N, C-alpha and C. Protein backbone atom coordinates (compact mmCIF):
# COMPACT_ATOMS: atom_id res chain seq x y z
N UNK A 1 -45.48 -21.05 61.02
CA UNK A 1 -46.27 -21.79 60.26
C UNK A 1 -47.53 -21.53 59.80
N UNK A 2 -48.23 -20.42 60.59
CA UNK A 2 -49.20 -19.88 60.12
C UNK A 2 -48.76 -18.86 58.48
N UNK A 3 -47.78 -18.61 58.58
CA UNK A 3 -47.41 -17.76 57.82
C UNK A 3 -46.88 -18.34 56.53
N UNK A 4 -46.50 -19.59 56.50
CA UNK A 4 -46.12 -20.23 56.04
C UNK A 4 -47.43 -20.96 54.99
N UNK A 5 -48.68 -20.90 55.35
CA UNK A 5 -50.16 -21.46 54.74
C UNK A 5 -50.57 -20.39 54.14
N UNK A 6 -50.23 -19.07 54.57
CA UNK A 6 -50.75 -17.94 53.87
C UNK A 6 -50.09 -17.45 53.07
N UNK A 7 -48.69 -17.71 52.64
CA UNK A 7 -47.82 -17.47 51.76
C UNK A 7 -48.18 -18.82 50.58
N UNK A 8 -48.16 -19.96 50.94
CA UNK A 8 -48.90 -20.86 49.94
C UNK A 8 -50.30 -20.11 49.55
N UNK A 9 -50.93 -19.86 49.86
CA UNK A 9 -52.19 -20.03 49.54
C UNK A 9 -52.48 -18.68 48.77
N UNK A 10 -51.60 -17.65 48.67
CA UNK A 10 -51.47 -16.20 47.74
C UNK A 10 -51.16 -17.21 46.85
N UNK A 11 -49.82 -18.06 46.79
CA UNK A 11 -49.09 -18.51 45.42
C UNK A 11 -50.11 -18.90 44.72
N UNK A 12 -51.01 -19.91 45.41
CA UNK A 12 -51.83 -20.68 44.59
C UNK A 12 -52.80 -19.49 44.22
N UNK A 13 -53.57 -18.89 44.62
CA UNK A 13 -54.62 -17.57 43.71
C UNK A 13 -54.12 -17.02 42.86
N UNK A 14 -52.54 -16.34 43.22
CA UNK A 14 -52.16 -15.73 41.79
C UNK A 14 -52.00 -17.24 40.91
N UNK A 15 -51.41 -18.12 40.95
CA UNK A 15 -51.00 -18.68 39.72
C UNK A 15 -52.77 -19.09 39.28
N UNK A 16 -53.34 -19.37 39.86
CA UNK A 16 -55.05 -19.32 39.03
C UNK A 16 -55.22 -18.10 38.29
N UNK A 17 -55.05 -16.89 39.44
CA UNK A 17 -55.34 -15.94 38.13
C UNK A 17 -54.42 -15.77 36.82
N UNK A 18 -53.48 -15.82 36.99
CA UNK A 18 -52.70 -15.85 35.71
C UNK A 18 -53.14 -17.03 34.64
N UNK A 19 -53.07 -18.30 34.81
CA UNK A 19 -53.57 -19.29 33.97
C UNK A 19 -55.00 -19.03 33.80
N UNK A 20 -55.81 -18.40 34.20
CA UNK A 20 -57.32 -18.24 33.78
C UNK A 20 -57.17 -16.89 33.01
N UNK A 21 -56.68 -16.07 32.76
CA UNK A 21 -57.08 -14.63 32.31
C UNK A 21 -57.00 -14.93 30.76
N UNK A 22 -56.49 -16.06 30.27
CA UNK A 22 -56.44 -16.45 28.40
C UNK A 22 -57.48 -16.03 27.89
N UNK A 23 -57.53 -15.09 26.87
CA UNK A 23 -58.57 -15.02 25.79
C UNK A 23 -58.59 -15.30 24.29
N UNK A 24 -59.39 -15.54 23.56
CA UNK A 24 -58.86 -16.37 22.18
C UNK A 24 -59.84 -15.89 21.74
N UNK A 25 -59.51 -15.10 20.27
CA UNK A 25 -60.43 -14.33 19.57
C UNK A 25 -60.71 -15.53 17.97
N UNK A 26 -61.73 -15.59 17.35
CA UNK A 26 -61.80 -15.53 16.04
C UNK A 26 -62.35 -14.11 15.70
N UNK A 27 -61.96 -13.66 14.21
CA UNK A 27 -61.80 -12.67 13.68
C UNK A 27 -62.04 -12.86 12.57
N UNK A 28 -63.54 -12.14 11.88
CA UNK A 28 -63.73 -11.99 10.45
C UNK A 28 -63.58 -10.60 9.51
N UNK A 29 -62.99 -10.72 8.57
CA UNK A 29 -63.23 -9.35 7.63
C UNK A 29 -64.35 -9.58 7.29
N UNK A 30 -65.25 -9.06 7.73
CA UNK A 30 -66.85 -8.79 6.61
C UNK A 30 -66.40 -8.74 5.28
N UNK A 31 -65.38 -8.25 4.79
CA UNK A 31 -65.44 -7.64 3.58
C UNK A 31 -64.89 -9.12 2.54
N UNK A 32 -63.61 -9.58 2.77
CA UNK A 32 -63.30 -10.33 2.36
C UNK A 32 -63.33 -12.14 3.06
N UNK A 33 -64.35 -11.91 4.14
CA UNK A 33 -64.58 -13.24 5.05
C UNK A 33 -63.50 -13.48 5.13
N UNK A 34 -62.29 -13.38 5.46
CA UNK A 34 -61.37 -13.80 5.77
C UNK A 34 -61.34 -14.40 7.21
N UNK A 35 -60.52 -15.20 7.78
CA UNK A 35 -61.05 -15.82 9.11
C UNK A 35 -59.78 -15.57 10.06
N UNK A 36 -59.36 -14.71 10.76
CA UNK A 36 -58.12 -14.99 11.57
C UNK A 36 -58.27 -15.56 12.73
N UNK A 37 -57.20 -15.50 13.77
CA UNK A 37 -57.07 -15.91 14.97
C UNK A 37 -56.24 -15.70 15.83
N UNK A 38 -56.73 -14.99 17.48
CA UNK A 38 -55.52 -13.93 17.75
C UNK A 38 -55.94 -14.16 19.30
N UNK A 39 -54.82 -14.03 19.95
CA UNK A 39 -54.92 -14.30 21.56
C UNK A 39 -55.51 -12.86 21.96
N UNK A 40 -55.13 -11.41 21.53
CA UNK A 40 -55.21 -10.09 21.78
C UNK A 40 -55.48 -9.35 20.66
N UNK A 41 -56.48 -8.03 21.03
CA UNK A 41 -56.92 -7.72 19.81
C UNK A 41 -57.02 -5.74 20.55
N UNK A 42 -56.60 -5.07 19.98
CA UNK A 42 -56.30 -3.87 20.01
C UNK A 42 -57.18 -3.11 19.48
N UNK A 43 -58.14 -2.26 20.00
CA UNK A 43 -58.70 -1.25 19.38
C UNK A 43 -58.35 -0.13 18.88
N UNK A 44 -58.09 0.40 18.03
CA UNK A 44 -57.37 1.31 17.56
C UNK A 44 -58.28 2.98 17.10
N UNK A 45 -59.79 2.64 17.50
CA UNK A 45 -60.60 3.84 17.18
C UNK A 45 -61.47 3.85 16.08
N UNK A 46 -62.58 4.37 15.69
CA UNK A 46 -63.55 4.11 14.82
C UNK A 46 -63.76 3.03 14.46
N UNK A 47 -63.65 2.29 15.13
CA UNK A 47 -63.90 0.51 14.84
C UNK A 47 -63.05 -0.40 14.51
N UNK A 48 -61.81 0.28 13.72
CA UNK A 48 -60.75 -0.27 13.80
C UNK A 48 -59.67 -1.33 14.69
N UNK A 49 -59.61 -2.40 14.12
CA UNK A 49 -58.96 -2.97 15.39
C UNK A 49 -57.36 -3.79 14.99
N UNK A 50 -56.31 -4.01 15.82
CA UNK A 50 -55.21 -4.48 15.35
C UNK A 50 -54.88 -5.68 16.02
N UNK A 51 -53.93 -6.36 15.42
CA UNK A 51 -54.11 -7.80 16.25
C UNK A 51 -52.80 -8.53 15.55
N UNK A 52 -52.01 -9.56 16.10
CA UNK A 52 -51.28 -10.77 15.33
C UNK A 52 -52.22 -12.08 15.06
N UNK A 53 -51.91 -12.09 13.70
CA UNK A 53 -52.79 -13.53 12.99
C UNK A 53 -51.84 -14.38 13.62
N UNK A 54 -52.22 -15.61 14.99
CA UNK A 54 -51.71 -16.52 14.75
C UNK A 54 -50.86 -17.63 13.96
N UNK A 55 -52.13 -17.49 12.67
CA UNK A 55 -51.61 -18.45 11.78
C UNK A 55 -50.63 -18.10 11.04
N UNK A 56 -50.78 -16.86 10.04
CA UNK A 56 -49.50 -15.98 9.50
C UNK A 56 -48.52 -15.47 10.30
N UNK A 57 -48.67 -15.19 11.50
CA UNK A 57 -47.55 -14.69 12.58
C UNK A 57 -47.66 -13.25 11.86
N UNK A 58 -48.38 -12.29 11.03
CA UNK A 58 -48.19 -11.07 10.50
C UNK A 58 -49.52 -10.28 11.62
N UNK A 59 -48.71 -9.02 11.64
CA UNK A 59 -49.83 -8.12 12.34
C UNK A 59 -50.63 -7.55 11.36
N UNK A 60 -52.08 -7.56 11.51
CA UNK A 60 -52.98 -7.25 10.60
C UNK A 60 -53.94 -6.01 11.54
N UNK A 61 -54.24 -5.01 10.77
CA UNK A 61 -55.12 -3.64 11.11
C UNK A 61 -56.73 -4.07 10.18
N UNK A 62 -57.46 -4.01 10.56
CA UNK A 62 -58.89 -4.09 10.04
C UNK A 62 -59.95 -2.92 10.46
N UNK A 63 -60.42 -2.45 9.27
CA UNK A 63 -61.10 -0.95 9.70
C UNK A 63 -62.68 -1.70 9.98
N UNK A 64 -62.87 -2.42 9.84
CA UNK A 64 -64.26 -3.39 10.05
C UNK A 64 -63.70 -4.97 10.44
N UNK A 65 -64.50 -5.28 11.53
CA UNK A 65 -64.52 -6.68 11.64
C UNK A 65 -65.66 -7.30 12.58
N UNK A 66 -65.47 -8.15 12.93
CA UNK A 66 -66.57 -9.27 13.65
C UNK A 66 -65.62 -9.93 14.62
N UNK A 67 -65.62 -9.97 16.02
CA UNK A 67 -64.82 -10.49 16.67
C UNK A 67 -65.52 -11.23 17.58
N UNK A 68 -65.35 -12.36 17.92
CA UNK A 68 -65.85 -13.40 18.89
C UNK A 68 -64.94 -14.25 19.36
N UNK A 69 -65.48 -14.11 20.55
CA UNK A 69 -64.39 -14.80 21.79
C UNK A 69 -64.42 -16.89 21.61
N UNK A 70 -63.57 -17.37 21.52
CA UNK A 70 -63.67 -18.84 21.46
C UNK A 70 -62.99 -19.34 22.44
N UNK A 71 -63.22 -20.87 22.71
CA UNK A 71 -62.64 -21.46 23.73
C UNK A 71 -61.22 -21.96 23.37
N UNK A 72 -60.38 -22.49 24.62
CA UNK A 72 -59.02 -22.30 24.01
C UNK A 72 -58.82 -23.64 22.82
N UNK A 73 -59.92 -24.71 23.11
CA UNK A 73 -59.73 -25.83 22.57
C UNK A 73 -59.78 -25.35 20.95
N UNK A 74 -60.51 -24.62 20.74
CA UNK A 74 -60.77 -24.34 19.30
C UNK A 74 -59.93 -23.41 18.76
N UNK A 75 -59.43 -22.41 19.24
CA UNK A 75 -58.32 -21.47 18.99
C UNK A 75 -57.14 -22.92 18.72
N UNK A 76 -56.74 -23.51 19.37
CA UNK A 76 -55.70 -24.61 18.86
C UNK A 76 -56.13 -25.57 17.93
N UNK A 77 -57.07 -25.93 18.03
CA UNK A 77 -57.53 -26.63 17.08
C UNK A 77 -57.43 -25.78 15.40
N UNK A 78 -57.73 -24.50 15.57
CA UNK A 78 -57.74 -24.14 14.36
C UNK A 78 -56.29 -23.28 14.06
N UNK A 79 -55.76 -23.33 14.81
CA UNK A 79 -54.17 -22.55 14.67
C UNK A 79 -52.91 -23.37 14.68
N UNK A 80 -53.19 -24.97 15.09
CA UNK A 80 -52.10 -25.65 14.84
C UNK A 80 -51.43 -25.60 13.29
N UNK A 81 -50.45 -26.31 13.16
CA UNK A 81 -50.13 -26.05 11.85
C UNK A 81 -50.73 -27.99 11.25
N UNK A 82 -50.54 -27.82 10.02
CA UNK A 82 -51.35 -28.85 9.04
C UNK A 82 -50.34 -29.82 8.91
């Protein structure tokens, strides 16, 4: 019985960890002022970043950018189809 409770507890903690790990980003190209949204950003060195734009579904590389974390609600509001 005790083993079952411990295994349920571990499973619960694991599920909480997985669901709480998502991050969402608003990325602005300072040159063109174009705004992108992504759930992951890869740093490439010399300030460059690469990501998949959630709206266009294209892979984008920017030499300069402004990256801001946004809430899941903000992210979904900006990326849902119009």
